[in-house]
Amino acid sequence: MMDVEQLRQLVARELAIPADAVTEWASFRDDLGADSLDLVELTMSIEEAYDVAVTEDEALGCARFGDALRLVREKCRARPRVAA
């Protein structure tokens, strides 16, 4: 299950910023100060943390935290479920 606060903390940690700065409408570049390398590293961290694959086009479509949140939710819902 995808947890908003977990993703917020991951973004804050990766970008070395306070978690309360990571709001749904925060732009990764303009508001959170991420550069291209930060965004690549953030994408890799998200892939690892949520066991999902994010294409370059999908990553480029995530200008704001809310975009990334929706993408991760969608990817997590689409993931095959493992029987317990």
N, C-alpha and C. Protein backbone atom coordinates (compact mmCIF):
# COMPACT_ATOMS: atom_id res chain seq x y z
N MET A 1 0.85 -1.20 0.00
CA MET A 1 0.00 0.00 0.00
C MET A 1 0.88 1.25 0.00
N MET A 2 0.48 2.23 -0.74
CA MET A 2 1.22 3.46 -0.89
C MET A 2 0.83 4.44 0.20
N ASP A 3 1.82 4.93 0.92
CA ASP A 3 1.59 5.86 2.02
C ASP A 3 2.11 7.24 1.62
N VAL A 4 1.23 8.24 1.63
CA VAL A 4 1.59 9.60 1.24
C VAL A 4 2.75 10.13 2.09
N GLU A 5 2.66 9.93 3.38
CA GLU A 5 3.69 10.46 4.27
C GLU A 5 5.04 9.78 4.01
N GLN A 6 5.02 8.50 3.69
CA GLN A 6 6.26 7.79 3.38
C GLN A 6 6.91 8.40 2.13
N LEU A 7 6.11 8.66 1.10
CA LEU A 7 6.65 9.27 -0.11
C LEU A 7 7.15 10.69 0.18
N ARG A 8 6.41 11.44 0.98
CA ARG A 8 6.83 12.80 1.35
C ARG A 8 8.18 12.76 2.06
N GLN A 9 8.35 11.82 2.97
CA GLN A 9 9.61 11.71 3.71
C GLN A 9 10.75 11.29 2.78
N LEU A 10 10.47 10.41 1.83
CA LEU A 10 11.48 9.98 0.87
C LEU A 10 11.95 11.18 0.04
N VAL A 11 11.01 11.96 -0.46
CA VAL A 11 11.36 13.15 -1.26
C VAL A 11 12.16 14.13 -0.41
N ALA A 12 11.72 14.39 0.80
CA ALA A 12 12.43 15.32 1.68
C ALA A 12 13.86 14.85 1.94
N ARG A 13 14.01 13.57 2.20
CA ARG A 13 15.34 13.01 2.48
C ARG A 13 16.24 13.13 1.25
N GLU A 14 15.72 12.75 0.10
CA GLU A 14 16.51 12.78 -1.14
C GLU A 14 16.93 14.21 -1.51
N LEU A 15 16.04 15.17 -1.29
CA LEU A 15 16.33 16.54 -1.66
C LEU A 15 16.91 17.36 -0.51
N ALA A 16 17.06 16.73 0.65
CA ALA A 16 17.62 17.40 1.85
C ALA A 16 16.85 18.69 2.16
N ILE A 17 15.53 18.53 2.26
CA ILE A 17 14.64 19.66 2.57
C ILE A 17 13.68 19.23 3.67
N PRO A 18 13.03 20.19 4.34
CA PRO A 18 12.03 19.83 5.35
C PRO A 18 10.82 19.16 4.70
N ALA A 19 10.30 18.14 5.35
CA ALA A 19 9.16 17.40 4.82
C ALA A 19 7.94 18.29 4.64
N ASP A 20 7.77 19.30 5.48
CA ASP A 20 6.58 20.15 5.35
C ASP A 20 6.63 21.03 4.09
N ALA A 21 7.78 21.11 3.43
CA ALA A 21 7.88 21.84 2.17
C ALA A 21 7.31 21.02 1.01
N VAL A 22 7.18 19.71 1.22
CA VAL A 22 6.73 18.80 0.17
C VAL A 22 5.21 18.71 0.22
N THR A 23 4.58 19.59 -0.53
CA THR A 23 3.12 19.63 -0.60
C THR A 23 2.68 19.13 -1.97
N GLU A 24 1.41 18.84 -2.11
CA GLU A 24 0.90 18.30 -3.37
C GLU A 24 1.22 19.21 -4.55
N TRP A 25 1.16 20.52 -4.36
CA TRP A 25 1.36 21.45 -5.47
C TRP A 25 2.80 21.92 -5.61
N ALA A 26 3.71 21.43 -4.76
CA ALA A 26 5.11 21.87 -4.82
C ALA A 26 5.79 21.36 -6.09
N SER A 27 6.37 22.29 -6.83
CA SER A 27 7.13 21.95 -8.03
C SER A 27 8.51 21.44 -7.60
N PHE A 28 8.92 20.30 -8.15
CA PHE A 28 10.22 19.76 -7.78
C PHE A 28 11.33 20.76 -8.08
N ARG A 29 11.28 21.40 -9.23
CA ARG A 29 12.33 22.34 -9.61
C ARG A 29 12.18 23.71 -8.94
N ASP A 30 11.02 24.32 -9.11
CA ASP A 30 10.83 25.70 -8.66
C ASP A 30 10.68 25.84 -7.15
N ASP A 31 9.94 24.94 -6.52
CA ASP A 31 9.67 25.07 -5.09
C ASP A 31 10.62 24.26 -4.21
N LEU A 32 11.04 23.09 -4.71
CA LEU A 32 11.85 22.20 -3.88
C LEU A 32 13.33 22.21 -4.27
N GLY A 33 13.68 22.96 -5.32
CA GLY A 33 15.08 23.16 -5.68
C GLY A 33 15.78 21.98 -6.32
N ALA A 34 15.03 21.06 -6.90
CA ALA A 34 15.64 19.87 -7.51
C ALA A 34 16.21 20.21 -8.88
N ASP A 35 17.40 19.66 -9.16
CA ASP A 35 17.95 19.78 -10.50
C ASP A 35 17.79 18.44 -11.21
N SER A 36 18.30 18.33 -12.43
CA SER A 36 18.11 17.11 -13.23
C SER A 36 18.67 15.87 -12.53
N LEU A 37 19.84 15.99 -11.94
CA LEU A 37 20.44 14.85 -11.25
C LEU A 37 19.61 14.45 -10.04
N ASP A 38 19.12 15.44 -9.30
CA ASP A 38 18.25 15.15 -8.15
C ASP A 38 17.03 14.35 -8.59
N LEU A 39 16.46 14.73 -9.71
CA LEU A 39 15.25 14.07 -10.18
C LEU A 39 15.52 12.64 -10.62
N VAL A 40 16.67 12.40 -11.24
CA VAL A 40 17.05 11.04 -11.62
C VAL A 40 17.23 10.19 -10.37
N GLU A 41 17.95 10.72 -9.38
CA GLU A 41 18.18 9.98 -8.14
C GLU A 41 16.88 9.75 -7.38
N LEU A 42 16.01 10.74 -7.39
CA LEU A 42 14.71 10.61 -6.73
C LEU A 42 13.88 9.51 -7.40
N THR A 43 13.89 9.49 -8.72
CA THR A 43 13.16 8.45 -9.46
C THR A 43 13.69 7.07 -9.09
N MET A 44 15.00 6.92 -9.03
CA MET A 44 15.60 5.64 -8.67
C MET A 44 15.21 5.23 -7.25
N SER A 45 15.18 6.18 -6.34
CA SER A 45 14.79 5.89 -4.96
C SER A 45 13.33 5.46 -4.87
N ILE A 46 12.48 6.11 -5.65
CA ILE A 46 11.06 5.75 -5.68
C ILE A 46 10.90 4.34 -6.24
N GLU A 47 11.61 4.04 -7.31
CA GLU A 47 11.53 2.71 -7.90
C GLU A 47 11.94 1.64 -6.89
N GLU A 48 13.00 1.91 -6.17
CA GLU A 48 13.48 0.94 -5.18
C GLU A 48 12.52 0.82 -3.99
N ALA A 49 12.07 1.95 -3.48
CA ALA A 49 11.21 1.94 -2.29
C ALA A 49 9.86 1.27 -2.55
N TYR A 50 9.33 1.44 -3.76
CA TYR A 50 7.99 0.94 -4.06
C TYR A 50 7.99 -0.25 -5.00
N ASP A 51 9.18 -0.71 -5.38
CA ASP A 51 9.32 -1.86 -6.27
C ASP A 51 8.49 -1.67 -7.54
N VAL A 52 8.70 -0.52 -8.19
CA VAL A 52 8.02 -0.19 -9.44
C VAL A 52 9.05 0.28 -10.45
N ALA A 53 8.67 0.26 -11.72
CA ALA A 53 9.51 0.79 -12.79
C ALA A 53 8.87 2.08 -13.29
N VAL A 54 9.68 3.12 -13.42
CA VAL A 54 9.20 4.41 -13.90
C VAL A 54 9.96 4.74 -15.18
N THR A 55 9.23 4.94 -16.27
CA THR A 55 9.87 5.27 -17.53
C THR A 55 10.37 6.72 -17.49
N GLU A 56 11.24 7.04 -18.42
CA GLU A 56 11.74 8.41 -18.51
C GLU A 56 10.60 9.38 -18.79
N ASP A 57 9.70 8.99 -19.69
CA ASP A 57 8.55 9.86 -20.00
C ASP A 57 7.66 10.08 -18.78
N GLU A 58 7.44 9.01 -18.01
CA GLU A 58 6.63 9.15 -16.79
C GLU A 58 7.32 10.09 -15.80
N ALA A 59 8.62 9.92 -15.65
CA ALA A 59 9.37 10.78 -14.72
C ALA A 59 9.31 12.24 -15.17
N LEU A 60 9.46 12.46 -16.47
CA LEU A 60 9.41 13.83 -16.99
C LEU A 60 8.03 14.45 -16.81
N GLY A 61 6.99 13.62 -16.73
CA GLY A 61 5.63 14.12 -16.53
C GLY A 61 5.31 14.48 -15.10
N CYS A 62 6.25 14.25 -14.21
CA CYS A 62 6.04 14.55 -12.78
C CYS A 62 6.74 15.85 -12.41
N ALA A 63 6.09 16.95 -12.69
CA ALA A 63 6.66 18.25 -12.38
C ALA A 63 6.44 18.63 -10.91
N ARG A 64 5.39 18.10 -10.32
CA ARG A 64 5.02 18.43 -8.94
C ARG A 64 4.94 17.16 -8.10
N PHE A 65 5.01 17.34 -6.79
CA PHE A 65 4.91 16.20 -5.89
C PHE A 65 3.60 15.45 -6.12
N GLY A 66 2.51 16.17 -6.33
CA GLY A 66 1.22 15.54 -6.56
C GLY A 66 1.23 14.64 -7.78
N ASP A 67 1.97 15.04 -8.82
CA ASP A 67 2.10 14.20 -10.01
C ASP A 67 2.79 12.88 -9.66
N ALA A 68 3.87 12.98 -8.90
CA ALA A 68 4.62 11.78 -8.49
C ALA A 68 3.76 10.91 -7.60
N LEU A 69 3.01 11.53 -6.72
CA LEU A 69 2.12 10.80 -5.82
C LEU A 69 1.10 9.98 -6.62
N ARG A 70 0.47 10.61 -7.60
CA ARG A 70 -0.52 9.91 -8.43
C ARG A 70 0.14 8.78 -9.22
N LEU A 71 1.33 9.02 -9.75
CA LEU A 71 2.03 8.00 -10.52
C LEU A 71 2.37 6.79 -9.65
N VAL A 72 2.90 7.05 -8.46
CA VAL A 72 3.28 5.94 -7.57
C VAL A 72 2.03 5.17 -7.14
N ARG A 73 0.96 5.87 -6.83
CA ARG A 73 -0.29 5.19 -6.47
C ARG A 73 -0.76 4.28 -7.61
N GLU A 74 -0.73 4.82 -8.82
CA GLU A 74 -1.16 4.05 -9.99
C GLU A 74 -0.28 2.82 -10.19
N LYS A 75 1.03 3.01 -10.06
CA LYS A 75 1.97 1.90 -10.24
C LYS A 75 1.77 0.84 -9.16
N CYS A 76 1.53 1.26 -7.94
CA CYS A 76 1.34 0.31 -6.84
C CYS A 76 0.04 -0.46 -7.02
N ARG A 77 -1.00 0.20 -7.49
CA ARG A 77 -2.28 -0.49 -7.72
C ARG A 77 -2.15 -1.51 -8.85
N ALA A 78 -1.33 -1.22 -9.85
CA ALA A 78 -1.19 -2.09 -11.01
C ALA A 78 -0.26 -3.28 -10.75
N ARG A 79 0.48 -3.20 -9.66
CA ARG A 79 1.44 -4.27 -9.33
C ARG A 79 0.69 -5.55 -9.02
N PRO A 80 1.17 -6.70 -9.52
CA PRO A 80 0.52 -7.97 -9.18
C PRO A 80 0.57 -8.22 -7.68
N ARG A 81 -0.50 -8.71 -7.15
CA ARG A 81 -0.57 -9.01 -5.72
C ARG A 81 -0.02 -10.41 -5.46
N VAL A 82 0.74 -10.52 -4.39
CA VAL A 82 1.32 -11.81 -4.02
C VAL A 82 0.45 -12.42 -2.94
N ALA A 83 0.06 -13.67 -3.12
CA ALA A 83 -0.77 -14.37 -2.14
C ALA A 83 0.03 -14.62 -0.88
N ALA A 84 -0.61 -14.47 0.26
CA ALA A 84 0.08 -14.65 1.55
C ALA A 84 0.23 -16.11 1.89
